């Protein structure tokens, strides 16, 4: 669940980046004339905007998948836990099952005294 929250945090963190990139580019081309480097800047910006949106989409998808895995794992854990409900332990308490109590040894099973 923490990983899903982290992925969602990345989505939120990347949210304003596109607008910040746009503000950073404002005025760069003004007065630049026909400089080829400035013309390429628009292409680079478009590429970064696509990458940012792709990263956000991947983080959204990952967060959803992580939450689904968590839900499935919780169901499996409950099913496994429930499967032990009918199991009975022999003896008066933990650690005192067959062969674990006092006098349990090779001869104890055949009635020999130790």
PDB file of N, CA and C in Angstrom:
ATOM      1  N   UNK A   1       0.830  -1.187   0.000  1.00  0.00           N
ATOM      2  CA  UNK A   1       0.000   0.000   0.000  1.00  0.00           C
ATOM      3  C   UNK A   1       0.874   1.250   0.000  1.00  0.00           C
ATOM      4  N   UNK A   2       2.021   1.198   0.694  1.00  0.00           N
ATOM      5  CA  UNK A   2       2.914   2.359   0.683  1.00  0.00           C
ATOM      6  C   UNK A   2       3.463   2.598  -0.714  1.00  0.00           C
ATOM      7  N   UNK A   3       3.768   1.529  -1.437  1.00  0.00           N
ATOM      8  CA  UNK A   3       4.284   1.677  -2.800  1.00  0.00           C
ATOM      9  C   UNK A   3       3.233   2.318  -3.705  1.00  0.00           C
ATOM     10  N   UNK A   4       1.983   1.924  -3.538  1.00  0.00           N
ATOM     11  CA  UNK A   4       0.898   2.524  -4.324  1.00  0.00           C
ATOM     12  C   UNK A   4       0.777   4.009  -3.998  1.00  0.00           C
ATOM     13  N   UNK A   5       0.874   4.348  -2.725  1.00  0.00           N
ATOM     14  CA  UNK A   5       0.836   5.749  -2.317  1.00  0.00           C
ATOM     15  C   UNK A   5       2.011   6.528  -2.889  1.00  0.00           C
ATOM     16  N   UNK A   6       3.173   5.889  -2.936  1.00  0.00           N
ATOM     17  CA  UNK A   6       4.354   6.531  -3.524  1.00  0.00           C
ATOM     18  C   UNK A   6       4.171   6.802  -5.008  1.00  0.00           C
ATOM     19  N   UNK A   7       3.591   5.838  -5.715  1.00  0.00           N
ATOM     20  CA  UNK A   7       3.330   6.024  -7.147  1.00  0.00           C
ATOM     21  C   UNK A   7       2.331   7.155  -7.361  1.00  0.00           C
ATOM     22  N   UNK A   8       1.312   7.213  -6.517  1.00  0.00           N
ATOM     23  CA  UNK A   8       0.348   8.311  -6.621  1.00  0.00           C
ATOM     24  C   UNK A   8       1.002   9.646  -6.284  1.00  0.00           C
ATOM     25  N   UNK A   9       1.947   9.632  -5.359  1.00  0.00           N
ATOM     26  CA  UNK A   9       2.690  10.844  -5.027  1.00  0.00           C
ATOM     27  C   UNK A   9       3.484  11.357  -6.222  1.00  0.00           C
ATOM     28  N   UNK A  10       4.056  10.436  -6.994  1.00  0.00           N
ATOM     29  CA  UNK A  10       4.780  10.832  -8.198  1.00  0.00           C
ATOM     30  C   UNK A  10       3.847  11.459  -9.222  1.00  0.00           C
ATOM     31  N   UNK A  11       2.647  10.910  -9.343  1.00  0.00           N
ATOM     32  CA  UNK A  11       1.659  11.495 -10.260  1.00  0.00           C
ATOM     33  C   UNK A  11       1.385  12.939  -9.852  1.00  0.00           C
ATOM     34  N   UNK A  12       1.162  13.153  -8.574  1.00  0.00           N
ATOM     35  CA  UNK A  12       0.879  14.497  -8.078  1.00  0.00           C
ATOM     36  C   UNK A  12       2.089  15.414  -8.256  1.00  0.00           C
ATOM     37  N   UNK A  13       3.270  14.892  -7.979  1.00  0.00           N
ATOM     38  CA  UNK A  13       4.490  15.689  -8.093  1.00  0.00           C
ATOM     39  C   UNK A  13       4.749  16.115  -9.544  1.00  0.00           C
ATOM     40  N   UNK A  14       4.470  15.230 -10.486  1.00  0.00           N
ATOM     41  CA  UNK A  14       4.701  15.545 -11.895  1.00  0.00           C
ATOM     42  C   UNK A  14       3.591  16.410 -12.491  1.00  0.00           C
ATOM     43  N   UNK A  15       2.461  16.516 -11.795  1.00  0.00           N
ATOM     44  CA  UNK A  15       1.323  17.284 -12.310  1.00  0.00           C
ATOM     45  C   UNK A  15       1.662  18.694 -12.752  1.00  0.00           C
ATOM     46  N   UNK A  16       2.274  19.506 -11.917  1.00  0.00           N
ATOM     47  CA  UNK A  16       2.544  20.897 -12.292  1.00  0.00           C
ATOM     48  C   UNK A  16       3.773  21.078 -13.188  1.00  0.00           C
ATOM     49  N   UNK A  17       4.531  20.027 -13.440  1.00  0.00           N
ATOM     50  CA  UNK A  17       5.768  20.163 -14.204  1.00  0.00           C
ATOM     51  C   UNK A  17       5.504  20.679 -15.616  1.00  0.00           C
ATOM     52  N   UNK A  18       4.454  20.196 -16.233  1.00  0.00           N
ATOM     53  CA  UNK A  18       4.146  20.623 -17.606  1.00  0.00           C
ATOM     54  C   UNK A  18       3.895  22.133 -17.654  1.00  0.00           C
ATOM     55  N   UNK A  19       3.131  22.651 -16.704  1.00  0.00           N
ATOM     56  CA  UNK A  19       2.865  24.093 -16.656  1.00  0.00           C
ATOM     57  C   UNK A  19       4.142  24.874 -16.355  1.00  0.00           C
ATOM     58  N   UNK A  20       4.981  24.339 -15.452  1.00  0.00           N
ATOM     59  CA  UNK A  20       6.244  24.998 -15.133  1.00  0.00           C
ATOM     60  C   UNK A  20       7.155  25.045 -16.355  1.00  0.00           C
ATOM     61  N   UNK A  21       7.152  23.978 -17.126  1.00  0.00           N
ATOM     62  CA  UNK A  21       7.935  23.931 -18.358  1.00  0.00           C
ATOM     63  C   UNK A  21       7.437  24.991 -19.338  1.00  0.00           C
ATOM     64  N   UNK A  22       6.128  25.131 -19.424  1.00  0.00           N
ATOM     65  CA  UNK A  22       5.543  26.144 -20.295  1.00  0.00           C
ATOM     66  C   UNK A  22       5.938  27.555 -19.870  1.00  0.00           C
ATOM     67  N   UNK A  23       5.891  27.824 -18.568  1.00  0.00           N
ATOM     68  CA  UNK A  23       6.294  29.151 -18.072  1.00  0.00           C
ATOM     69  C   UNK A  23       7.767  29.416 -18.329  1.00  0.00           C
ATOM     70  N   UNK A  24       8.587  28.387 -18.188  1.00  0.00           N
ATOM     71  CA  UNK A  24      10.024  28.545 -18.415  1.00  0.00           C
ATOM     72  C   UNK A  24      10.325  28.874 -19.879  1.00  0.00           C
ATOM     73  N   UNK A  25       9.484  28.418 -20.777  1.00  0.00           N
ATOM     74  CA  UNK A  25       9.708  28.661 -22.204  1.00  0.00           C
ATOM     75  C   UNK A  25       9.106  29.974 -22.687  1.00  0.00           C
ATOM     76  N   UNK A  26       8.258  30.576 -21.878  1.00  0.00           N
ATOM     77  CA  UNK A  26       7.643  31.843 -22.285  1.00  0.00           C
ATOM     78  C   UNK A  26       8.724  32.891 -22.502  1.00  0.00           C
ATOM     79  N   UNK A  27       8.628  33.567 -23.597  1.00  0.00           N
ATOM     80  CA  UNK A  27       9.545  34.657 -23.878  1.00  0.00           C
ATOM     81  C   UNK A  27      10.885  34.229 -24.449  1.00  0.00           C
ATOM     82  N   UNK A  28      11.183  32.940 -24.456  1.00  0.00           N
ATOM     83  CA  UNK A  28      12.467  32.505 -25.008  1.00  0.00           C
ATOM     84  C   UNK A  28      12.570  32.777 -26.505  1.00  0.00           C
ATOM     85  N   UNK A  29      11.477  32.571 -27.194  1.00  0.00           N
ATOM     86  CA  UNK A  29      11.517  32.756 -28.644  1.00  0.00           C
ATOM     87  C   UNK A  29      11.299  34.209 -29.033  1.00  0.00           C
ATOM     88  N   UNK A  30      10.808  35.028 -28.132  1.00  0.00           N
ATOM     89  CA  UNK A  30      10.593  36.445 -28.439  1.00  0.00           C
ATOM     90  C   UNK A  30      11.942  37.111 -28.668  1.00  0.00           C
ATOM     91  N   UNK A  31      12.091  37.734 -29.769  1.00  0.00           N
ATOM     92  CA  UNK A  31      13.332  38.433 -30.091  1.00  0.00           C
ATOM     93  C   UNK A  31      14.417  37.502 -30.579  1.00  0.00           C
ATOM     94  N   UNK A  32      14.126  36.237 -30.653  1.00  0.00           N
ATOM     95  CA  UNK A  32      15.134  35.278 -31.099  1.00  0.00           C
ATOM     96  C   UNK A  32      15.231  35.165 -32.601  1.00  0.00           C
ATOM     97  N   UNK A  33      14.248  35.734 -33.262  1.00  0.00           N
ATOM     98  CA  UNK A  33      14.278  35.663 -34.718  1.00  0.00           C
ATOM     99  C   UNK A  33      14.144  34.245 -35.207  1.00  0.00           C
ATOM    100  N   UNK A  34      14.944  33.931 -36.160  1.00  0.00           N
ATOM    101  CA  UNK A  34      14.878  32.615 -36.799  1.00  0.00           C
ATOM    102  C   UNK A  34      16.019  31.696 -36.362  1.00  0.00           C
ATOM    103  N   UNK A  35      16.500  31.849 -35.166  1.00  0.00           N
ATOM    104  CA  UNK A  35      17.581  30.988 -34.692  1.00  0.00           C
ATOM    105  C   UNK A  35      17.114  29.538 -34.684  1.00  0.00           C
ATOM    106  N   UNK A  36      17.894  28.673 -35.296  1.00  0.00           N
ATOM    107  CA  UNK A  36      17.484  27.270 -35.397  1.00  0.00           C
ATOM    108  C   UNK A  36      17.426  26.597 -34.032  1.00  0.00           C
ATOM    109  N   UNK A  37      18.271  26.998 -33.105  1.00  0.00           N
ATOM    110  CA  UNK A  37      18.256  26.391 -31.771  1.00  0.00           C
ATOM    111  C   UNK A  37      16.930  26.665 -31.074  1.00  0.00           C
ATOM    112  N   UNK A  38      16.392  27.867 -31.264  1.00  0.00           N
ATOM    113  CA  UNK A  38      15.115  28.197 -30.648  1.00  0.00           C
ATOM    114  C   UNK A  38      13.979  27.443 -31.317  1.00  0.00           C
ATOM    115  N   UNK A  39      14.106  27.199 -32.607  1.00  0.00           N
ATOM    116  CA  UNK A  39      13.083  26.426 -33.309  1.00  0.00           C
ATOM    117  C   UNK A  39      13.057  24.989 -32.789  1.00  0.00           C
ATOM    118  N   UNK A  40      14.220  24.454 -32.473  1.00  0.00           N
ATOM    119  CA  UNK A  40      14.310  23.089 -31.955  1.00  0.00           C
ATOM    120  C   UNK A  40      13.792  23.002 -30.525  1.00  0.00           C
ATOM    121  N   UNK A  41      13.830  24.107 -29.817  1.00  0.00           N
ATOM    122  CA  UNK A  41      13.387  24.125 -28.428  1.00  0.00           C
ATOM    123  C   UNK A  41      11.936  23.681 -28.299  1.00  0.00           C
ATOM    124  N   UNK A  42      11.096  24.083 -29.249  1.00  0.00           N
ATOM    125  CA  UNK A  42       9.698  23.662 -29.233  1.00  0.00           C
ATOM    126  C   UNK A  42       9.559  22.160 -29.375  1.00  0.00           C
ATOM    127  N   UNK A  43      10.366  21.568 -30.220  1.00  0.00           N
ATOM    128  CA  UNK A  43      10.343  20.119 -30.418  1.00  0.00           C
ATOM    129  C   UNK A  43      10.774  19.399 -29.142  1.00  0.00           C
ATOM    130  N   UNK A  44      11.812  19.921 -28.505  1.00  0.00           N
ATOM    131  CA  UNK A  44      12.301  19.322 -27.256  1.00  0.00           C
ATOM    132  C   UNK A  44      11.232  19.447 -26.170  1.00  0.00           C
ATOM    133  N   UNK A  45      10.607  20.602 -26.097  1.00  0.00           N
ATOM    134  CA  UNK A  45       9.555  20.802 -25.091  1.00  0.00           C
ATOM    135  C   UNK A  45       8.412  19.820 -25.303  1.00  0.00           C
ATOM    136  N   UNK A  46       7.973  19.670 -26.550  1.00  0.00           N
ATOM    137  CA  UNK A  46       6.900  18.707 -26.847  1.00  0.00           C
ATOM    138  C   UNK A  46       7.291  17.299 -26.414  1.00  0.00           C
ATOM    139  N   UNK A  47       8.539  16.943 -26.652  1.00  0.00           N
ATOM    140  CA  UNK A  47       9.028  15.618 -26.277  1.00  0.00           C
ATOM    141  C   UNK A  47       8.980  15.437 -24.762  1.00  0.00           C
ATOM    142  N   UNK A  48       9.406  16.454 -24.017  1.00  0.00           N
ATOM    143  CA  UNK A  48       9.386  16.365 -22.559  1.00  0.00           C
ATOM    144  C   UNK A  48       7.963  16.316 -22.030  1.00  0.00           C
ATOM    145  N   UNK A  49       7.073  17.067 -22.634  1.00  0.00           N
ATOM    146  CA  UNK A  49       5.671  17.033 -22.190  1.00  0.00           C
ATOM    147  C   UNK A  49       5.079  15.641 -22.382  1.00  0.00           C
ATOM    148  N   UNK A  50       5.402  15.002 -23.511  1.00  0.00           N
ATOM    149  CA  UNK A  50       4.928  13.625 -23.740  1.00  0.00           C
ATOM    150  C   UNK A  50       5.520  12.675 -22.699  1.00  0.00           C
ATOM    151  N   UNK A  51       6.801  12.832 -22.401  1.00  0.00           N
ATOM    152  CA  UNK A  51       7.457  11.962 -21.420  1.00  0.00           C
ATOM    153  C   UNK A  51       6.852  12.136 -20.031  1.00  0.00           C
ATOM    154  N   UNK A  52       6.569  13.369 -19.668  1.00  0.00           N
ATOM    155  CA  UNK A  52       5.967  13.645 -18.358  1.00  0.00           C
ATOM    156  C   UNK A  52       4.603  12.974 -18.270  1.00  0.00           C
ATOM    157  N   UNK A  53       3.788  13.116 -19.308  1.00  0.00           N
ATOM    158  CA  UNK A  53       2.463  12.495 -19.289  1.00  0.00           C
ATOM    159  C   UNK A  53       2.571  10.973 -19.291  1.00  0.00           C
ATOM    160  N   UNK A  54       3.534  10.426 -20.022  1.00  0.00           N
ATOM    161  CA  UNK A  54       3.742   8.973 -20.030  1.00  0.00           C
ATOM    162  C   UNK A  54       4.126   8.486 -18.636  1.00  0.00           C
ATOM    163  N   UNK A  55       5.023   9.219 -17.975  1.00  0.00           N
ATOM    164  CA  UNK A  55       5.438   8.843 -16.615  1.00  0.00           C
ATOM    165  C   UNK A  55       4.254   8.902 -15.659  1.00  0.00           C
ATOM    166  N   UNK A  56       3.433   9.927 -15.775  1.00  0.00           N
ATOM    167  CA  UNK A  56       2.262  10.044 -14.902  1.00  0.00           C
ATOM    168  C   UNK A  56       1.296   8.881 -15.148  1.00  0.00           C
ATOM    169  N   UNK A  57       1.069   8.562 -16.436  1.00  0.00           N
ATOM    170  CA  UNK A  57       0.170   7.446 -16.760  1.00  0.00           C
ATOM    171  C   UNK A  57       0.704   6.131 -16.203  1.00  0.00           C
ATOM    172  N   UNK A  58       2.011   5.917 -16.317  1.00  0.00           N
ATOM    173  CA  UNK A  58       2.605   4.685 -15.795  1.00  0.00           C
ATOM    174  C   UNK A  58       2.480   4.618 -14.276  1.00  0.00           C
ATOM    175  N   UNK A  59       2.683   5.741 -13.605  1.00  0.00           N
ATOM    176  CA  UNK A  59       2.553   5.766 -12.148  1.00  0.00           C
ATOM    177  C   UNK A  59       1.111   5.512 -11.722  1.00  0.00           C
ATOM    178  N   UNK A  60       0.152   6.089 -12.447  1.00  0.00           N
ATOM    179  CA  UNK A  60      -1.266   5.830 -12.134  1.00  0.00           C
ATOM    180  C   UNK A  60      -1.570   4.344 -12.279  1.00  0.00           C
ATOM    181  N   UNK A  61      -1.102   3.775 -13.385  1.00  0.00           N
ATOM    182  CA  UNK A  61      -1.346   2.356 -13.647  1.00  0.00           C
ATOM    183  C   UNK A  61      -0.691   1.490 -12.566  1.00  0.00           C
ATOM    184  N   UNK A  62       0.534   1.818 -12.226  1.00  0.00           N
ATOM    185  CA  UNK A  62       1.250   1.055 -11.208  1.00  0.00           C
ATOM    186  C   UNK A  62       0.543   1.131  -9.863  1.00  0.00           C
ATOM    187  N   UNK A  63       0.082   2.308  -9.492  1.00  0.00           N
ATOM    188  CA  UNK A  63      -0.622   2.465  -8.216  1.00  0.00           C
ATOM    189  C   UNK A  63      -1.862   1.578  -8.182  1.00  0.00           C
ATOM    190  N   UNK A  64      -2.617   1.562  -9.267  1.00  0.00           N
ATOM    191  CA  UNK A  64      -3.810   0.717  -9.324  1.00  0.00           C
ATOM    192  C   UNK A  64      -3.474  -0.759  -9.225  1.00  0.00           C
ATOM    193  N   UNK A  65      -2.420  -1.161  -9.925  1.00  0.00           N
ATOM    194  CA  UNK A  65      -2.011  -2.572  -9.893  1.00  0.00           C
ATOM    195  C   UNK A  65      -1.515  -2.969  -8.510  1.00  0.00           C
ATOM    196  N   UNK A  66      -0.767  -2.085  -7.866  1.00  0.00           N
ATOM    197  CA  UNK A  66      -0.276  -2.387  -6.515  1.00  0.00           C
ATOM    198  C   UNK A  66      -1.423  -2.519  -5.528  1.00  0.00           C
ATOM    199  N   UNK A  67      -2.422  -1.673  -5.660  1.00  0.00           N
ATOM    200  CA  UNK A  67      -3.591  -1.771  -4.774  1.00  0.00           C
ATOM    201  C   UNK A  67      -4.353  -3.069  -5.039  1.00  0.00           C
ATOM    202  N   UNK A  68      -4.449  -3.474  -6.298  1.00  0.00           N
ATOM    203  CA  UNK A  68      -5.131  -4.733  -6.633  1.00  0.00           C
ATOM    204  C   UNK A  68      -4.382  -5.924  -6.045  1.00  0.00           C
ATOM    205  N   UNK A  69      -3.060  -5.900  -6.126  1.00  0.00           N
ATOM    206  CA  UNK A  69      -2.256  -6.990  -5.555  1.00  0.00           C
ATOM    207  C   UNK A  69      -2.454  -7.042  -4.047  1.00  0.00           C
ATOM    208  N   UNK A  70      -2.490  -5.887  -3.415  1.00  0.00           N
ATOM    209  CA  UNK A  70      -2.695  -5.840  -1.969  1.00  0.00           C
ATOM    210  C   UNK A  70      -4.044  -6.441  -1.596  1.00  0.00           C
ATOM    211  N   UNK A  71      -5.069  -6.096  -2.351  1.00  0.00           N
ATOM    212  CA  UNK A  71      -6.400  -6.639  -2.063  1.00  0.00           C
ATOM    213  C   UNK A  71      -6.420  -8.150  -2.256  1.00  0.00           C
ATOM    214  N   UNK A  72      -5.822  -8.635  -3.331  1.00  0.00           N
ATOM    215  CA  UNK A  72      -5.775 -10.070  -3.592  1.00  0.00           C
ATOM    216  C   UNK A  72      -4.989 -10.790  -2.507  1.00  0.00           C
ATOM    217  N   UNK A  73      -3.844 -10.224  -2.129  1.00  0.00           N
ATOM    218  CA  UNK A  73      -3.028 -10.860  -1.101  1.00  0.00           C
ATOM    219  C   UNK A  73      -3.765 -10.901   0.234  1.00  0.00           C
ATOM    220  N   UNK A  74      -4.505  -9.873   0.547  1.00  0.00           N
ATOM    221  CA  UNK A  74      -5.292  -9.867   1.790  1.00  0.00           C
ATOM    222  C   UNK A  74      -6.337 -10.980   1.764  1.00  0.00           C
ATOM    223  N   UNK A  75      -6.989 -11.169   0.616  1.00  0.00           N
ATOM    224  CA  UNK A  75      -7.977 -12.247   0.488  1.00  0.00           C
ATOM    225  C   UNK A  75      -7.318 -13.608   0.668  1.00  0.00           C
ATOM    226  N   UNK A  76      -6.148 -13.797   0.055  1.00  0.00           N
ATOM    227  CA  UNK A  76      -5.426 -15.068   0.183  1.00  0.00           C
ATOM    228  C   UNK A  76      -5.023 -15.290   1.637  1.00  0.00           C
ATOM    229  N   UNK A  77      -4.514 -14.250   2.273  1.00  0.00           N
ATOM    230  CA  UNK A  77      -4.119 -14.375   3.682  1.00  0.00           C
ATOM    231  C   UNK A  77      -5.304 -14.796   4.552  1.00  0.00           C
ATOM    232  N   UNK A  78      -6.453 -14.189   4.327  1.00  0.00           N
ATOM    233  CA  UNK A  78      -7.644 -14.540   5.105  1.00  0.00           C
ATOM    234  C   UNK A  78      -8.079 -15.972   4.820  1.00  0.00           C
ATOM    235  N   UNK A  79      -7.995 -16.398   3.561  1.00  0.00           N
ATOM    236  CA  UNK A  79      -8.378 -17.768   3.210  1.00  0.00           C
ATOM    237  C   UNK A  79      -7.445 -18.777   3.886  1.00  0.00           C
ATOM    238  N   UNK A  80      -6.152 -18.487   3.866  1.00  0.00           N
ATOM    239  CA  UNK A  80      -5.186 -19.388   4.507  1.00  0.00           C
ATOM    240  C   UNK A  80      -5.430 -19.410   6.011  1.00  0.00           C
ATOM    241  N   UNK A  81      -5.622 -18.261   6.589  1.00  0.00           N
ATOM    242  CA  UNK A  81      -5.899 -18.182   8.032  1.00  0.00           C
ATOM    243  C   UNK A  81      -7.160 -18.979   8.368  1.00  0.00           C
ATOM    244  N   UNK A  82      -8.199 -18.829   7.556  1.00  0.00           N
ATOM    245  CA  UNK A  82      -9.446 -19.558   7.778  1.00  0.00           C
ATOM    246  C   UNK A  82      -9.282 -21.057   7.640  1.00  0.00           C
ATOM    247  N   UNK A  83      -8.365 -21.484   6.785  1.00  0.00           N
ATOM    248  CA  UNK A  83      -8.172 -22.924   6.601  1.00  0.00           C
ATOM    249  C   UNK A  83      -7.576 -23.581   7.840  1.00  0.00           C
ATOM    250  N   UNK A  84      -6.972 -22.808   8.709  1.00  0.00           N
ATOM    251  CA  UNK A  84      -6.406 -23.356   9.940  1.00  0.00           C
ATOM    252  C   UNK A  84      -7.415 -23.391  11.081  1.00  0.00           C
ATOM    253  N   UNK A  85      -8.552 -22.770  10.911  1.00  0.00           N
ATOM    254  CA  UNK A  85      -9.546 -22.724  11.979  1.00  0.00           C
ATOM    255  C   UNK A  85     -10.005 -24.113  12.422  1.00  0.00           C
ATOM    256  N   UNK A  86     -10.084 -25.056  11.516  1.00  0.00           N
ATOM    257  CA  UNK A  86     -10.555 -26.392  11.865  1.00  0.00           C
ATOM    258  C   UNK A  86      -9.468 -27.320  12.367  1.00  0.00           C
ATOM    259  N   UNK A  87      -8.242 -26.880  12.401  1.00  0.00           N
ATOM    260  CA  UNK A  87      -7.135 -27.732  12.828  1.00  0.00           C
ATOM    261  C   UNK A  87      -7.111 -27.796  14.352  1.00  0.00           C
ATOM    262  N   UNK A  88      -7.069 -29.025  14.865  1.00  0.00           N
ATOM    263  CA  UNK A  88      -7.021 -29.241  16.311  1.00  0.00           C
ATOM    264  C   UNK A  88      -5.610 -29.702  16.664  1.00  0.00           C
ATOM    265  N   UNK A  89      -5.093 -29.185  17.740  1.00  0.00           N
ATOM    266  CA  UNK A  89      -3.770 -29.581  18.209  1.00  0.00           C
ATOM    267  C   UNK A  89      -3.938 -30.565  19.352  1.00  0.00           C
ATOM    268  N   UNK A  90      -3.267 -31.711  19.231  1.00  0.00           N
ATOM    269  CA  UNK A  90      -3.344 -32.722  20.294  1.00  0.00           C
ATOM    270  C   UNK A  90      -2.523 -32.279  21.482  1.00  0.00           C
ATOM    271  N   UNK A  91      -2.955 -32.646  22.660  1.00  0.00           N
ATOM    272  CA  UNK A  91      -2.188 -32.327  23.852  1.00  0.00           C
ATOM    273  C   UNK A  91      -2.739 -31.107  24.564  1.00  0.00           C
ATOM    274  N   UNK A  92      -2.216 -30.861  25.770  1.00  0.00           N
ATOM    275  CA  UNK A  92      -2.746 -29.788  26.601  1.00  0.00           C
ATOM    276  C   UNK A  92      -2.356 -28.386  26.136  1.00  0.00           C
ATOM    277  N   UNK A  93      -1.325 -28.214  25.327  1.00  0.00           N
ATOM    278  CA  UNK A  93      -0.962 -26.864  24.943  1.00  0.00           C
ATOM    279  C   UNK A  93       0.165 -26.863  23.929  1.00  0.00           C
ATOM    280  N   UNK A  94       0.597 -25.698  23.560  1.00  0.00           N
ATOM    281  CA  UNK A  94       1.674 -25.593  22.572  1.00  0.00           C
ATOM    282  C   UNK A  94       2.940 -26.279  23.058  1.00  0.00           C
ATOM    283  N   UNK A  95       3.610 -26.956  22.163  1.00  0.00           N
ATOM    284  CA  UNK A  95       4.874 -27.603  22.486  1.00  0.00           C
ATOM    285  C   UNK A  95       4.742 -28.908  23.227  1.00  0.00           C
ATOM    286  N   UNK A  96       3.502 -29.411  23.405  1.00  0.00           N
ATOM    287  CA  UNK A  96       3.355 -30.659  24.151  1.00  0.00           C
ATOM    288  C   UNK A  96       2.674 -31.721  23.295  1.00  0.00           C
ATOM    289  N   UNK A  97       2.867 -31.639  22.001  1.00  0.00           N
ATOM    290  CA  UNK A  97       2.293 -32.626  21.100  1.00  0.00           C
ATOM    291  C   UNK A  97       2.974 -33.965  21.267  1.00  0.00           C
ATOM    292  N   UNK A  98       2.617 -34.955  20.450  1.00  0.00           N
ATOM    293  CA  UNK A  98       3.190 -36.301  20.563  1.00  0.00           C
ATOM    294  C   UNK A  98       4.711 -36.263  20.513  1.00  0.00           C
ATOM    295  N   UNK A  99       5.320 -36.950  21.460  1.00  0.00           N
ATOM    296  CA  UNK A  99       6.774 -37.059  21.471  1.00  0.00           C
ATOM    297  C   UNK A  99       7.468 -35.855  22.068  1.00  0.00           C
ATOM    298  N   UNK A 100       6.714 -34.875  22.555  1.00  0.00           N
ATOM    299  CA  UNK A 100       7.358 -33.678  23.068  1.00  0.00           C
ATOM    300  C   UNK A 100       7.220 -33.541  24.579  1.00  0.00           C
ATOM    301  N   UNK A 101       6.358 -34.341  25.171  1.00  0.00           N
ATOM    302  CA  UNK A 101       6.134 -34.206  26.613  1.00  0.00           C
ATOM    303  C   UNK A 101       7.205 -34.901  27.424  1.00  0.00           C
ATOM    304  N   UNK A 102       7.109 -34.815  28.763  1.00  0.00           N
ATOM    305  CA  UNK A 102       8.085 -35.482  29.640  1.00  0.00           C
ATOM    306  C   UNK A 102       8.017 -36.992  29.466  1.00  0.00           C
ATOM    307  N   UNK A 103       9.148 -37.639  29.482  1.00  0.00           N
ATOM    308  CA  UNK A 103       9.212 -39.086  29.355  1.00  0.00           C
ATOM    309  C   UNK A 103       9.076 -39.587  27.942  1.00  0.00           C
ATOM    310  N   UNK A 104       8.919 -38.681  26.984  1.00  0.00           N
ATOM    311  CA  UNK A 104       8.807 -39.105  25.593  1.00  0.00           C
ATOM    312  C   UNK A 104      10.181 -39.440  25.080  1.00  0.00           C
ATOM    313  N   UNK A 105      10.380 -40.649  24.733  1.00  0.00           N
ATOM    314  CA  UNK A 105      11.666 -41.091  24.207  1.00  0.00           C
ATOM    315  C   UNK A 105      11.429 -42.373  23.450  1.00  0.00           C
ATOM    316  N   UNK A 106      12.498 -43.028  23.059  1.00  0.00           N
ATOM    317  CA  UNK A 106      12.370 -44.248  22.265  1.00  0.00           C
ATOM    318  C   UNK A 106      11.613 -45.314  23.045  1.00  0.00           C
ATOM    319  N   UNK A 107      11.817 -45.401  24.351  1.00  0.00           N
ATOM    320  CA  UNK A 107      11.163 -46.434  25.138  1.00  0.00           C
ATOM    321  C   UNK A 107       9.777 -46.042  25.579  1.00  0.00           C
ATOM    322  N   UNK A 108       9.454 -44.780  25.604  1.00  0.00           N
ATOM    323  CA  UNK A 108       8.167 -44.342  26.116  1.00  0.00           C
ATOM    324  C   UNK A 108       7.026 -44.854  25.249  1.00  0.00           C
ATOM    325  N   UNK A 109       7.222 -44.950  23.989  1.00  0.00           N
ATOM    326  CA  UNK A 109       6.152 -45.411  23.097  1.00  0.00           C
ATOM    327  C   UNK A 109       5.842 -46.874  23.330  1.00  0.00           C
ATOM    328  N   UNK A 110       6.824 -47.678  23.731  1.00  0.00           N
ATOM    329  CA  UNK A 110       6.579 -49.096  23.941  1.00  0.00           C
ATOM    330  C   UNK A 110       6.241 -49.430  25.374  1.00  0.00           C
ATOM    331  N   UNK A 111       6.162 -48.411  26.235  1.00  0.00           N
ATOM    332  CA  UNK A 111       5.776 -48.635  27.616  1.00  0.00           C
ATOM    333  C   UNK A 111       6.960 -48.862  28.519  1.00  0.00           C
ATOM    334  N   UNK A 112       8.169 -48.814  28.026  1.00  0.00           N
ATOM    335  CA  UNK A 112       9.351 -48.992  28.857  1.00  0.00           C
ATOM    336  C   UNK A 112       9.550 -47.769  29.729  1.00  0.00           C
ATOM    337  N   UNK A 113      10.078 -47.988  30.897  1.00  0.00           N
ATOM    338  CA  UNK A 113      10.389 -46.872  31.777  1.00  0.00           C
ATOM    339  C   UNK A 113      11.809 -46.425  31.517  1.00  0.00           C
ATOM    340  N   UNK A 114      12.031 -45.135  31.661  1.00  0.00           N
ATOM    341  CA  UNK A 114      13.372 -44.636  31.423  1.00  0.00           C
ATOM    342  C   UNK A 114      14.164 -44.493  32.688  1.00  0.00           C
TER     343      UNK A 114
END
